[in-house]
PDB file of all heavy atoms in Angstrom:
ATOM      1  N   ILE A   1      18.372   3.405 -17.619  1.00  0.00           N
ATOM      2  CA  ILE A   1      18.282   2.560 -18.834  1.00  0.00           C
ATOM      3  C   ILE A   1      17.179   3.130 -19.803  1.00  0.00           C
ATOM      4  O   ILE A   1      17.365   3.163 -20.973  1.00  0.00           O
ATOM      5  CB  ILE A   1      18.057   1.061 -18.514  1.00  0.00           C
ATOM      6  CG1 ILE A   1      19.329   0.527 -17.915  1.00  0.00           C
ATOM      7  CG2 ILE A   1      17.650   0.259 -19.715  1.00  0.00           C
ATOM      8  CD1 ILE A   1      19.216  -0.880 -17.246  1.00  0.00           C
ATOM      9  N   GLY A   2      16.050   3.492 -19.211  1.00  0.00           N
ATOM     10  CA  GLY A   2      15.006   4.032 -20.021  1.00  0.00           C
ATOM     11  C   GLY A   2      15.397   5.345 -20.644  1.00  0.00           C
ATOM     12  O   GLY A   2      15.056   5.561 -21.836  1.00  0.00           O
ATOM     13  N   VAL A   3      16.183   6.156 -20.005  1.00  0.00           N
ATOM     14  CA  VAL A   3      16.656   7.490 -20.561  1.00  0.00           C
ATOM     15  C   VAL A   3      17.707   7.062 -21.769  1.00  0.00           C
ATOM     16  O   VAL A   3      17.645   7.718 -22.802  1.00  0.00           O
ATOM     17  CB  VAL A   3      17.319   8.358 -19.530  1.00  0.00           C
ATOM     18  CG1 VAL A   3      17.992   9.466 -20.106  1.00  0.00           C
ATOM     19  CG2 VAL A   3      16.237   8.841 -18.521  1.00  0.00           C
ATOM     20  N   ILE A   4      18.656   6.197 -21.504  1.00  0.00           N
ATOM     21  CA  ILE A   4      19.675   5.924 -22.449  1.00  0.00           C
ATOM     22  C   ILE A   4      19.118   5.303 -23.685  1.00  0.00           C
ATOM     23  O   ILE A   4      19.473   5.603 -24.790  1.00  0.00           O
ATOM     24  CB  ILE A   4      20.729   4.909 -21.797  1.00  0.00           C
ATOM     25  CG1 ILE A   4      21.474   5.668 -20.701  1.00  0.00           C
ATOM     26  CG2 ILE A   4      21.637   4.391 -22.881  1.00  0.00           C
ATOM     27  CD1 ILE A   4      22.362   4.745 -19.985  1.00  0.00           C
ATOM     28  N   THR A   5      18.076   4.434 -23.548  1.00  0.00           N
ATOM     29  CA  THR A   5      17.387   3.818 -24.713  1.00  0.00           C
ATOM     30  C   THR A   5      16.430   4.706 -25.337  1.00  0.00           C
ATOM     31  O   THR A   5      15.777   4.344 -26.221  1.00  0.00           O
ATOM     32  CB  THR A   5      16.739   2.446 -24.323  1.00  0.00           C
ATOM     33  OG1 THR A   5      15.746   2.753 -23.368  1.00  0.00           O
ATOM     34  CG2 THR A   5      17.817   1.483 -23.843  1.00  0.00           C
ATOM     35  N   GLN A   6      16.287   5.941 -24.814  1.00  0.00           N
ATOM     36  CA  GLN A   6      15.414   6.948 -25.283  1.00  0.00           C
ATOM     37  C   GLN A   6      13.933   6.401 -25.285  1.00  0.00           C
ATOM     38  O   GLN A   6      13.025   6.829 -26.038  1.00  0.00           O
ATOM     39  CB  GLN A   6      15.771   7.399 -26.663  1.00  0.00           C
ATOM     40  CG  GLN A   6      17.018   8.139 -26.646  1.00  0.00           C
ATOM     41  CD  GLN A   6      17.475   8.769 -27.969  1.00  0.00           C
ATOM     42  OE1 GLN A   6      16.653   8.618 -28.929  1.00  0.00           O
ATOM     43  NE2 GLN A   6      18.489   9.431 -28.117  1.00  0.00           N
ATOM     44  N   GLU A   7      13.662   5.510 -24.292  1.00  0.00           N
ATOM     45  CA  GLU A   7      12.302   5.118 -24.103  1.00  0.00           C
ATOM     46  C   GLU A   7      11.294   6.185 -23.705  1.00  0.00           C
ATOM     47  O   GLU A   7      10.133   6.192 -24.129  1.00  0.00           O
ATOM     48  CB  GLU A   7      12.334   3.979 -23.010  1.00  0.00           C
ATOM     49  CG  GLU A   7      11.057   3.454 -22.630  1.00  0.00           C
ATOM     50  CD  GLU A   7      11.088   2.469 -21.481  1.00  0.00           C
ATOM     51  OE1 GLU A   7      12.139   1.834 -21.283  1.00  0.00           O
ATOM     52  OE2 GLU A   7      10.134   2.334 -20.712  1.00  0.00           O
ATOM     53  N   TYR A   8      11.853   7.228 -23.074  1.00  0.00           N
ATOM     54  CA  TYR A   8      11.029   8.327 -22.599  1.00  0.00           C
ATOM     55  C   TYR A   8      10.995   9.514 -23.546  1.00  0.00           C
ATOM     56  O   TYR A   8      10.236  10.404 -23.274  1.00  0.00           O
ATOM     57  CB  TYR A   8      11.473   8.737 -21.246  1.00  0.00           C
ATOM     58  CG  TYR A   8      11.535   7.581 -20.251  1.00  0.00           C
ATOM     59  CD1 TYR A   8      12.505   7.533 -19.342  1.00  0.00           C
ATOM     60  CD2 TYR A   8      10.610   6.611 -20.268  1.00  0.00           C
ATOM     61  CE1 TYR A   8      12.544   6.525 -18.302  1.00  0.00           C
ATOM     62  CE2 TYR A   8      10.655   5.589 -19.371  1.00  0.00           C
ATOM     63  CZ  TYR A   8      11.615   5.520 -18.396  1.00  0.00           C
ATOM     64  OH  TYR A   8      11.709   4.502 -17.465  1.00  0.00           O
ATOM     65  N   ARG A   9      11.700   9.463 -24.661  1.00  0.00           N
ATOM     66  CA  ARG A   9      11.748  10.588 -25.685  1.00  0.00           C
ATOM     67  C   ARG A   9      11.989  11.974 -25.019  1.00  0.00           C
ATOM     68  O   ARG A   9      11.369  12.889 -25.308  1.00  0.00           O
ATOM     69  CB  ARG A   9      10.385  10.549 -26.371  1.00  0.00           C
ATOM     70  CG  ARG A   9      10.091   9.327 -27.221  1.00  0.00           C
ATOM     71  CD  ARG A   9       8.815   9.363 -27.895  1.00  0.00           C
ATOM     72  NE  ARG A   9       8.505   8.326 -28.755  1.00  0.00           N
ATOM     73  CZ  ARG A   9       8.232   7.013 -28.328  1.00  0.00           C
ATOM     74  NH1 ARG A   9       8.140   6.763 -27.083  1.00  0.00           N
ATOM     75  NH2 ARG A   9       8.008   6.157 -29.263  1.00  0.00           N
ATOM     76  N   GLY A  10      12.851  11.944 -24.049  1.00  0.00           N
ATOM     77  CA  GLY A  10      13.230  13.268 -23.435  1.00  0.00           C
ATOM     78  C   GLY A  10      12.378  13.853 -22.395  1.00  0.00           C
ATOM     79  O   GLY A  10      12.707  14.855 -21.769  1.00  0.00           O
ATOM     80  N   LYS A  11      11.315  13.137 -21.946  1.00  0.00           N
ATOM     81  CA  LYS A  11      10.348  13.674 -21.025  1.00  0.00           C
ATOM     82  C   LYS A  11      10.108  12.530 -20.007  1.00  0.00           C
ATOM     83  O   LYS A  11       9.938  11.365 -20.355  1.00  0.00           O
ATOM     84  CB  LYS A  11       8.978  14.017 -21.641  1.00  0.00           C
ATOM     85  CG  LYS A  11       9.133  15.340 -22.535  1.00  0.00           C
ATOM     86  CD  LYS A  11       7.813  15.730 -22.991  1.00  0.00           C
ATOM     87  CE  LYS A  11       8.034  16.960 -23.843  1.00  0.00           C
ATOM     88  NZ  LYS A  11       6.801  17.617 -24.250  1.00  0.00           N
ATOM     89  N   LEU A  12      10.000  12.904 -18.792  1.00  0.00           N
ATOM     90  CA  LEU A  12       9.727  12.009 -17.725  1.00  0.00           C
ATOM     91  C   LEU A  12       8.441  12.510 -16.907  1.00  0.00           C
ATOM     92  O   LEU A  12       8.378  13.686 -16.639  1.00  0.00           O
ATOM     93  CB  LEU A  12      10.847  11.874 -16.676  1.00  0.00           C
ATOM     94  CG  LEU A  12      12.182  11.329 -17.145  1.00  0.00           C
ATOM     95  CD1 LEU A  12      13.196  11.384 -16.073  1.00  0.00           C
ATOM     96  CD2 LEU A  12      11.922   9.854 -17.508  1.00  0.00           C
ATOM     97  N   SER A  13       7.564  11.572 -16.853  1.00  0.00           N
ATOM     98  CA  SER A  13       6.331  11.943 -16.033  1.00  0.00           C
ATOM     99  C   SER A  13       6.466  11.446 -14.601  1.00  0.00           C
ATOM    100  O   SER A  13       7.093  10.405 -14.415  1.00  0.00           O
ATOM    101  CB  SER A  13       5.142  11.364 -16.714  1.00  0.00           C
ATOM    102  OG  SER A  13       5.149   9.926 -16.658  1.00  0.00           O
ATOM    103  N   TYR A  14       5.964  12.197 -13.669  1.00  0.00           N
ATOM    104  CA  TYR A  14       6.069  11.812 -12.267  1.00  0.00           C
ATOM    105  C   TYR A  14       4.668  11.935 -11.599  1.00  0.00           C
ATOM    106  O   TYR A  14       3.821  12.680 -12.094  1.00  0.00           O
ATOM    107  CB  TYR A  14       7.108  12.526 -11.477  1.00  0.00           C
ATOM    108  CG  TYR A  14       6.725  13.988 -11.313  1.00  0.00           C
ATOM    109  CD1 TYR A  14       6.064  14.413 -10.214  1.00  0.00           C
ATOM    110  CD2 TYR A  14       7.078  15.022 -12.273  1.00  0.00           C
ATOM    111  CE1 TYR A  14       5.688  15.812 -10.025  1.00  0.00           C
ATOM    112  CE2 TYR A  14       6.737  16.300 -12.164  1.00  0.00           C
ATOM    113  CZ  TYR A  14       6.088  16.676 -11.042  1.00  0.00           C
ATOM    114  OH  TYR A  14       5.751  17.977 -10.933  1.00  0.00           O
ATOM    115  N   GLU A  15       4.527  11.213 -10.558  1.00  0.00           N
ATOM    116  CA  GLU A  15       3.342  11.355  -9.725  1.00  0.00           C
ATOM    117  C   GLU A  15       3.682  11.151  -8.260  1.00  0.00           C
ATOM    118  O   GLU A  15       4.389  10.125  -7.929  1.00  0.00           O
ATOM    119  CB  GLU A  15       2.264  10.303 -10.089  1.00  0.00           C
ATOM    120  CG  GLU A  15       1.019  10.462  -9.245  1.00  0.00           C
ATOM    121  CD  GLU A  15      -0.082   9.498  -9.629  1.00  0.00           C
ATOM    122  OE1 GLU A  15      -0.580   9.753 -10.782  1.00  0.00           O
ATOM    123  OE2 GLU A  15      -0.306   8.551  -9.045  1.00  0.00           O
ATOM    124  N   MET A  16       3.476  12.153  -7.427  1.00  0.00           N
ATOM    125  CA  MET A  16       3.768  12.029  -6.035  1.00  0.00           C
ATOM    126  C   MET A  16       2.415  11.941  -5.317  1.00  0.00           C
ATOM    127  O   MET A  16       1.547  12.801  -5.445  1.00  0.00           O
ATOM    128  CB  MET A  16       4.483  13.336  -5.518  1.00  0.00           C
ATOM    129  CG  MET A  16       4.806  13.329  -4.055  1.00  0.00           C
ATOM    130  SD  MET A  16       5.785  14.740  -3.473  1.00  0.00           S
ATOM    131  CE  MET A  16       4.812  16.078  -4.053  1.00  0.00           C
ATOM    132  N   THR A  17       2.285  10.948  -4.472  1.00  0.00           N
ATOM    133  CA  THR A  17       1.095  10.680  -3.623  1.00  0.00           C
ATOM    134  C   THR A  17       1.511  10.572  -2.196  1.00  0.00           C
ATOM    135  O   THR A  17       2.705  10.205  -1.942  1.00  0.00           O
ATOM    136  CB  THR A  17       0.302   9.473  -4.060  1.00  0.00           C
ATOM    137  OG1 THR A  17       1.192   8.365  -4.014  1.00  0.00           O
ATOM    138  CG2 THR A  17      -0.282   9.564  -5.487  1.00  0.00           C
ATOM    139  N   GLY A  18       0.632  10.883  -1.260  1.00  0.00           N
ATOM    140  CA  GLY A  18       0.887  10.746   0.121  1.00  0.00           C
ATOM    141  C   GLY A  18      -0.239  11.029   0.916  1.00  0.00           C
ATOM    142  O   GLY A  18      -1.344  11.241   0.471  1.00  0.00           O
ATOM    143  N   GLN A  19       0.021  10.971   2.265  1.00  0.00           N
ATOM    144  CA  GLN A  19      -1.039  11.435   3.213  1.00  0.00           C
ATOM    145  C   GLN A  19      -0.481  12.011   4.361  1.00  0.00           C
ATOM    146  O   GLN A  19       0.625  11.759   4.869  1.00  0.00           O
ATOM    147  CB  GLN A  19      -1.862  10.192   3.510  1.00  0.00           C
ATOM    148  CG  GLN A  19      -1.135   9.110   4.306  1.00  0.00           C
ATOM    149  CD  GLN A  19      -1.955   7.923   4.607  1.00  0.00           C
ATOM    150  OE1 GLN A  19      -3.173   7.830   4.286  1.00  0.00           O
ATOM    151  NE2 GLN A  19      -1.389   6.849   5.083  1.00  0.00           N
ATOM    152  N   LEU A  20      -1.282  12.857   4.911  1.00  0.00           N
ATOM    153  CA  LEU A  20      -0.986  13.510   6.233  1.00  0.00           C
ATOM    154  C   LEU A  20      -1.883  12.852   7.261  1.00  0.00           C
ATOM    155  O   LEU A  20      -3.096  12.717   7.070  1.00  0.00           O
ATOM    156  CB  LEU A  20      -1.265  14.986   6.295  1.00  0.00           C
ATOM    157  CG  LEU A  20      -0.335  15.909   5.540  1.00  0.00           C
ATOM    158  CD1 LEU A  20      -0.976  17.305   5.436  1.00  0.00           C
ATOM    159  CD2 LEU A  20       1.057  15.887   6.070  1.00  0.00           C
ATOM    160  N   ALA A  21      -1.324  12.336   8.350  1.00  0.00           N
ATOM    161  CA  ALA A  21      -2.191  11.665   9.397  1.00  0.00           C
ATOM    162  C   ALA A  21      -2.529  12.693  10.377  1.00  0.00           C
ATOM    163  O   ALA A  21      -1.679  13.499  10.867  1.00  0.00           O
ATOM    164  CB  ALA A  21      -1.380  10.523  10.022  1.00  0.00           C
ATOM    165  N   GLY A  22      -3.823  12.830  10.684  1.00  0.00           N
ATOM    166  CA  GLY A  22      -4.291  13.726  11.633  1.00  0.00           C
ATOM    167  C   GLY A  22      -4.683  13.121  12.903  1.00  0.00           C
ATOM    168  O   GLY A  22      -4.733  11.915  13.118  1.00  0.00           O
ATOM    169  N   PRO A  23      -5.149  13.888  13.846  1.00  0.00           N
ATOM    170  CA  PRO A  23      -5.643  13.384  15.160  1.00  0.00           C
ATOM    171  C   PRO A  23      -6.968  12.550  14.878  1.00  0.00           C
ATOM    172  O   PRO A  23      -7.684  12.765  13.947  1.00  0.00           O
ATOM    173  CB  PRO A  23      -5.923  14.552  15.905  1.00  0.00           C
ATOM    174  CG  PRO A  23      -6.079  15.685  15.030  1.00  0.00           C
ATOM    175  CD  PRO A  23      -5.225  15.330  13.770  1.00  0.00           C
ATOM    176  N   ALA A  24      -7.189  11.604  15.785  1.00  0.00           N
ATOM    177  CA  ALA A  24      -8.454  10.785  15.775  1.00  0.00           C
ATOM    178  C   ALA A  24      -8.586  10.063  14.475  1.00  0.00           C
ATOM    179  O   ALA A  24      -9.658  10.064  13.882  1.00  0.00           O
ATOM    180  CB  ALA A  24      -9.593  11.650  16.101  1.00  0.00           C
ATOM    181  N   PHE A  25      -7.576   9.435  13.914  1.00  0.00           N
ATOM    182  CA  PHE A  25      -7.621   8.582  12.775  1.00  0.00           C
ATOM    183  C   PHE A  25      -8.018   9.300  11.439  1.00  0.00           C
ATOM    184  O   PHE A  25      -8.290   8.642  10.534  1.00  0.00           O
ATOM    185  CB  PHE A  25      -8.645   7.389  13.021  1.00  0.00           C
ATOM    186  CG  PHE A  25      -8.268   6.520  14.181  1.00  0.00           C
ATOM    187  CD1 PHE A  25      -8.949   6.622  15.266  1.00  0.00           C
ATOM    188  CD2 PHE A  25      -7.177   5.687  14.159  1.00  0.00           C
ATOM    189  CE1 PHE A  25      -8.751   5.850  16.425  1.00  0.00           C
ATOM    190  CE2 PHE A  25      -6.807   4.982  15.286  1.00  0.00           C
ATOM    191  CZ  PHE A  25      -7.591   5.068  16.499  1.00  0.00           C
ATOM    192  N   ASN A  26      -7.918  10.620  11.477  1.00  0.00           N
ATOM    193  CA  ASN A  26      -8.203  11.379  10.201  1.00  0.00           C
ATOM    194  C   ASN A  26      -6.963  11.353   9.348  1.00  0.00           C
ATOM    195  O   ASN A  26      -5.779  11.470   9.836  1.00  0.00           O
ATOM    196  CB  ASN A  26      -8.568  12.871  10.514  1.00  0.00           C
ATOM    197  CG  ASN A  26      -9.967  12.904  11.157  1.00  0.00           C
ATOM    198  OD1 ASN A  26     -10.747  12.007  11.015  1.00  0.00           O
ATOM    199  ND2 ASN A  26     -10.171  14.016  11.870  1.00  0.00           N
ATOM    200  N   ARG A  27      -7.116  11.146   8.064  1.00  0.00           N
ATOM    201  CA  ARG A  27      -6.054  11.145   7.091  1.00  0.00           C
ATOM    202  C   ARG A  27      -6.443  12.042   5.986  1.00  0.00           C
ATOM    203  O   ARG A  27      -7.614  11.972   5.555  1.00  0.00           O
ATOM    204  CB  ARG A  27      -5.760   9.787   6.615  1.00  0.00           C
ATOM    205  CG  ARG A  27      -5.111   8.908   7.619  1.00  0.00           C
ATOM    206  CD  ARG A  27      -4.782   7.559   6.968  1.00  0.00           C
ATOM    207  NE  ARG A  27      -4.159   6.753   8.030  1.00  0.00           N
ATOM    208  CZ  ARG A  27      -4.253   5.437   8.134  1.00  0.00           C
ATOM    209  NH1 ARG A  27      -5.010   4.777   7.246  1.00  0.00           N
ATOM    210  NH2 ARG A  27      -3.735   4.786   9.101  1.00  0.00           N
ATOM    211  N   LEU A  28      -5.516  12.818   5.488  1.00  0.00           N
ATOM    212  CA  LEU A  28      -5.799  13.699   4.320  1.00  0.00           C
ATOM    213  C   LEU A  28      -4.784  13.254   3.251  1.00  0.00           C
ATOM    214  O   LEU A  28      -3.599  13.493   3.419  1.00  0.00           O
ATOM    215  CB  LEU A  28      -5.584  15.121   4.807  1.00  0.00           C
ATOM    216  CG  LEU A  28      -6.146  16.159   3.894  1.00  0.00           C
ATOM    217  CD1 LEU A  28      -7.575  16.006   3.498  1.00  0.00           C
ATOM    218  CD2 LEU A  28      -5.934  17.581   4.443  1.00  0.00           C
ATOM    219  N   HIS A  29      -5.362  12.791   2.119  1.00  0.00           N
ATOM    220  CA  HIS A  29      -4.546  12.364   1.030  1.00  0.00           C
ATOM    221  C   HIS A  29      -4.223  13.519   0.151  1.00  0.00           C
ATOM    222  O   HIS A  29      -5.002  14.506  -0.132  1.00  0.00           O
ATOM    223  CB  HIS A  29      -5.210  11.207   0.291  1.00  0.00           C
ATOM    224  CG  HIS A  29      -5.416  10.080   1.025  1.00  0.00           C
ATOM    225  ND1 HIS A  29      -4.582   8.939   1.072  1.00  0.00           N
ATOM    226  CD2 HIS A  29      -6.444   9.631   1.884  1.00  0.00           C
ATOM    227  CE1 HIS A  29      -4.963   8.053   1.866  1.00  0.00           C
ATOM    228  NE2 HIS A  29      -6.105   8.438   2.364  1.00  0.00           N
ATOM    229  N   PHE A  30      -3.086  13.469  -0.559  1.00  0.00           N
ATOM    230  CA  PHE A  30      -2.716  14.481  -1.587  1.00  0.00           C
ATOM    231  C   PHE A  30      -2.062  13.757  -2.769  1.00  0.00           C
ATOM    232  O   PHE A  30      -1.514  12.618  -2.645  1.00  0.00           O
ATOM    233  CB  PHE A  30      -1.791  15.503  -1.010  1.00  0.00           C
ATOM    234  CG  PHE A  30      -0.419  15.005  -0.519  1.00  0.00           C
ATOM    235  CD1 PHE A  30       0.589  14.788  -1.298  1.00  0.00           C
ATOM    236  CD2 PHE A  30      -0.299  14.732   0.890  1.00  0.00           C
ATOM    237  CE1 PHE A  30       1.876  14.363  -0.792  1.00  0.00           C
ATOM    238  CE2 PHE A  30       0.888  14.260   1.333  1.00  0.00           C
ATOM    239  CZ  PHE A  30       1.939  14.094   0.529  1.00  0.00           C
ATOM    240  N   MET A  31      -2.126  14.469  -3.895  1.00  0.00           N
ATOM    241  CA  MET A  31      -1.463  13.927  -5.084  1.00  0.00           C
ATOM    242  C   MET A  31      -0.963  15.157  -5.937  1.00  0.00           C
ATOM    243  O   MET A  31      -1.618  16.177  -5.916  1.00  0.00           O
ATOM    244  CB  MET A  31      -2.371  13.154  -5.960  1.00  0.00           C
ATOM    245  CG  MET A  31      -1.793  12.581  -7.107  1.00  0.00           C
ATOM    246  SD  MET A  31      -2.820  11.868  -8.499  1.00  0.00           S
ATOM    247  CE  MET A  31      -3.912  13.095  -8.796  1.00  0.00           C
ATOM    248  N   SER A  32       0.176  14.969  -6.528  1.00  0.00           N
ATOM    249  CA  SER A  32       0.762  16.013  -7.375  1.00  0.00           C
ATOM    250  C   SER A  32       1.429  15.192  -8.554  1.00  0.00           C
ATOM    251  O   SER A  32       2.088  14.212  -8.328  1.00  0.00           O
ATOM    252  CB  SER A  32       1.819  16.793  -6.630  1.00  0.00           C
ATOM    253  OG  SER A  32       2.448  17.701  -7.488  1.00  0.00           O
ATOM    254  N   LYS A  33       1.180  15.695  -9.753  1.00  0.00           N
ATOM    255  CA  LYS A  33       1.786  15.004 -10.827  1.00  0.00           C
ATOM    256  C   LYS A  33       2.206  16.059 -11.888  1.00  0.00           C
ATOM    257  O   LYS A  33       1.651  17.115 -11.971  1.00  0.00           O
ATOM    258  CB  LYS A  33       0.899  13.875 -11.385  1.00  0.00           C
ATOM    259  CG  LYS A  33      -0.461  14.390 -12.045  1.00  0.00           C
ATOM    260  CD  LYS A  33      -1.171  13.154 -12.515  1.00  0.00           C
ATOM    261  CE  LYS A  33      -2.544  13.498 -13.002  1.00  0.00           C
ATOM    262  NZ  LYS A  33      -3.219  12.325 -13.508  1.00  0.00           N
ATOM    263  N   GLY A  34       3.101  15.579 -12.743  1.00  0.00           N
ATOM    264  CA  GLY A  34       3.524  16.528 -13.834  1.00  0.00           C
ATOM    265  C   GLY A  34       4.553  15.814 -14.759  1.00  0.00           C
ATOM    266  O   GLY A  34       4.701  14.551 -14.756  1.00  0.00           O
ATOM    267  N   GLU A  35       5.239  16.630 -15.480  1.00  0.00           N
ATOM    268  CA  GLU A  35       6.233  16.118 -16.436  1.00  0.00           C
ATOM    269  C   GLU A  35       7.365  17.096 -16.508  1.00  0.00           C
ATOM    270  O   GLU A  35       7.132  18.253 -16.371  1.00  0.00           O
ATOM    271  CB  GLU A  35       5.520  15.981 -17.801  1.00  0.00           C
ATOM    272  CG  GLU A  35       6.253  15.353 -18.866  1.00  0.00           C
ATOM    273  CD  GLU A  35       5.402  15.268 -20.192  1.00  0.00           C
ATOM    274  OE1 GLU A  35       5.402  16.168 -20.910  1.00  0.00           O
ATOM    275  OE2 GLU A  35       4.891  14.100 -20.328  1.00  0.00           O
ATOM    276  N   PHE A  36       8.612  16.581 -16.728  1.00  0.00           N
ATOM    277  CA  PHE A  36       9.697  17.450 -16.905  1.00  0.00           C
ATOM    278  C   PHE A  36      10.530  16.906 -18.055  1.00  0.00           C
ATOM    279  O   PHE A  36      10.552  15.777 -18.331  1.00  0.00           O
ATOM    280  CB  PHE A  36      10.534  17.674 -15.619  1.00  0.00           C
ATOM    281  CG  PHE A  36      11.045  16.410 -14.978  1.00  0.00           C
ATOM    282  CD1 PHE A  36      12.346  15.938 -15.358  1.00  0.00           C
ATOM    283  CD2 PHE A  36      10.322  15.730 -14.010  1.00  0.00           C
ATOM    284  CE1 PHE A  36      12.880  14.801 -14.766  1.00  0.00           C
ATOM    285  CE2 PHE A  36      10.814  14.606 -13.437  1.00  0.00           C
ATOM    286  CZ  PHE A  36      12.073  14.098 -13.775  1.00  0.00           C
ATOM    287  N   THR A  37      11.140  17.876 -18.718  1.00  0.00           N
ATOM    288  CA  THR A  37      12.012  17.589 -19.905  1.00  0.00           C
ATOM    289  C   THR A  37      13.433  17.389 -19.494  1.00  0.00           C
ATOM    290  O   THR A  37      13.976  18.242 -18.782  1.00  0.00           O
ATOM    291  CB  THR A  37      11.819  18.695 -20.956  1.00  0.00           C
ATOM    292  OG1 THR A  37      10.407  18.895 -21.269  1.00  0.00           O
ATOM    293  CG2 THR A  37      12.585  18.413 -22.180  1.00  0.00           C
ATOM    294  N   LEU A  38      14.052  16.355 -19.987  1.00  0.00           N
ATOM    295  CA  LEU A  38      15.408  16.210 -19.700  1.00  0.00           C
ATOM    296  C   LEU A  38      16.265  17.026 -20.533  1.00  0.00           C
ATOM    297  O   LEU A  38      15.908  17.364 -21.721  1.00  0.00           O
ATOM    298  CB  LEU A  38      15.801  14.697 -20.000  1.00  0.00           C
ATOM    299  CG  LEU A  38      15.118  13.665 -19.129  1.00  0.00           C
ATOM    300  CD1 LEU A  38      15.372  12.300 -19.597  1.00  0.00           C
ATOM    301  CD2 LEU A  38      15.537  13.745 -17.680  1.00  0.00           C
ATOM    302  N   PRO A  39      17.465  17.466 -20.155  1.00  0.00           N
ATOM    303  CA  PRO A  39      18.295  18.343 -20.863  1.00  0.00           C
ATOM    304  C   PRO A  39      18.772  17.644 -22.140  1.00  0.00           C
ATOM    305  O   PRO A  39      18.994  16.431 -22.178  1.00  0.00           O
ATOM    306  CB  PRO A  39      19.529  18.546 -20.017  1.00  0.00           C
ATOM    307  CG  PRO A  39      19.035  18.303 -18.624  1.00  0.00           C
ATOM    308  CD  PRO A  39      18.014  17.298 -18.781  1.00  0.00           C
ATOM    309  N   ALA A  40      18.837  18.394 -23.256  1.00  0.00           N
ATOM    310  CA  ALA A  40      19.221  17.818 -24.532  1.00  0.00           C
ATOM    311  C   ALA A  40      20.579  17.194 -24.503  1.00  0.00           C
ATOM    312  O   ALA A  40      20.895  16.317 -25.328  1.00  0.00           O
ATOM    313  CB  ALA A  40      19.079  18.845 -25.708  1.00  0.00           C
TER     314      ALA A  40
END
């Protein structure tokens, strides 16, 4: 609906977050974000 109503003006931003669980309660967090353009 956001794409159809052109709420995003042809671009979508994303953010991926997560964590890797390690031994002995260690956790390592990560994040990746960016933007991609929708086809015209």
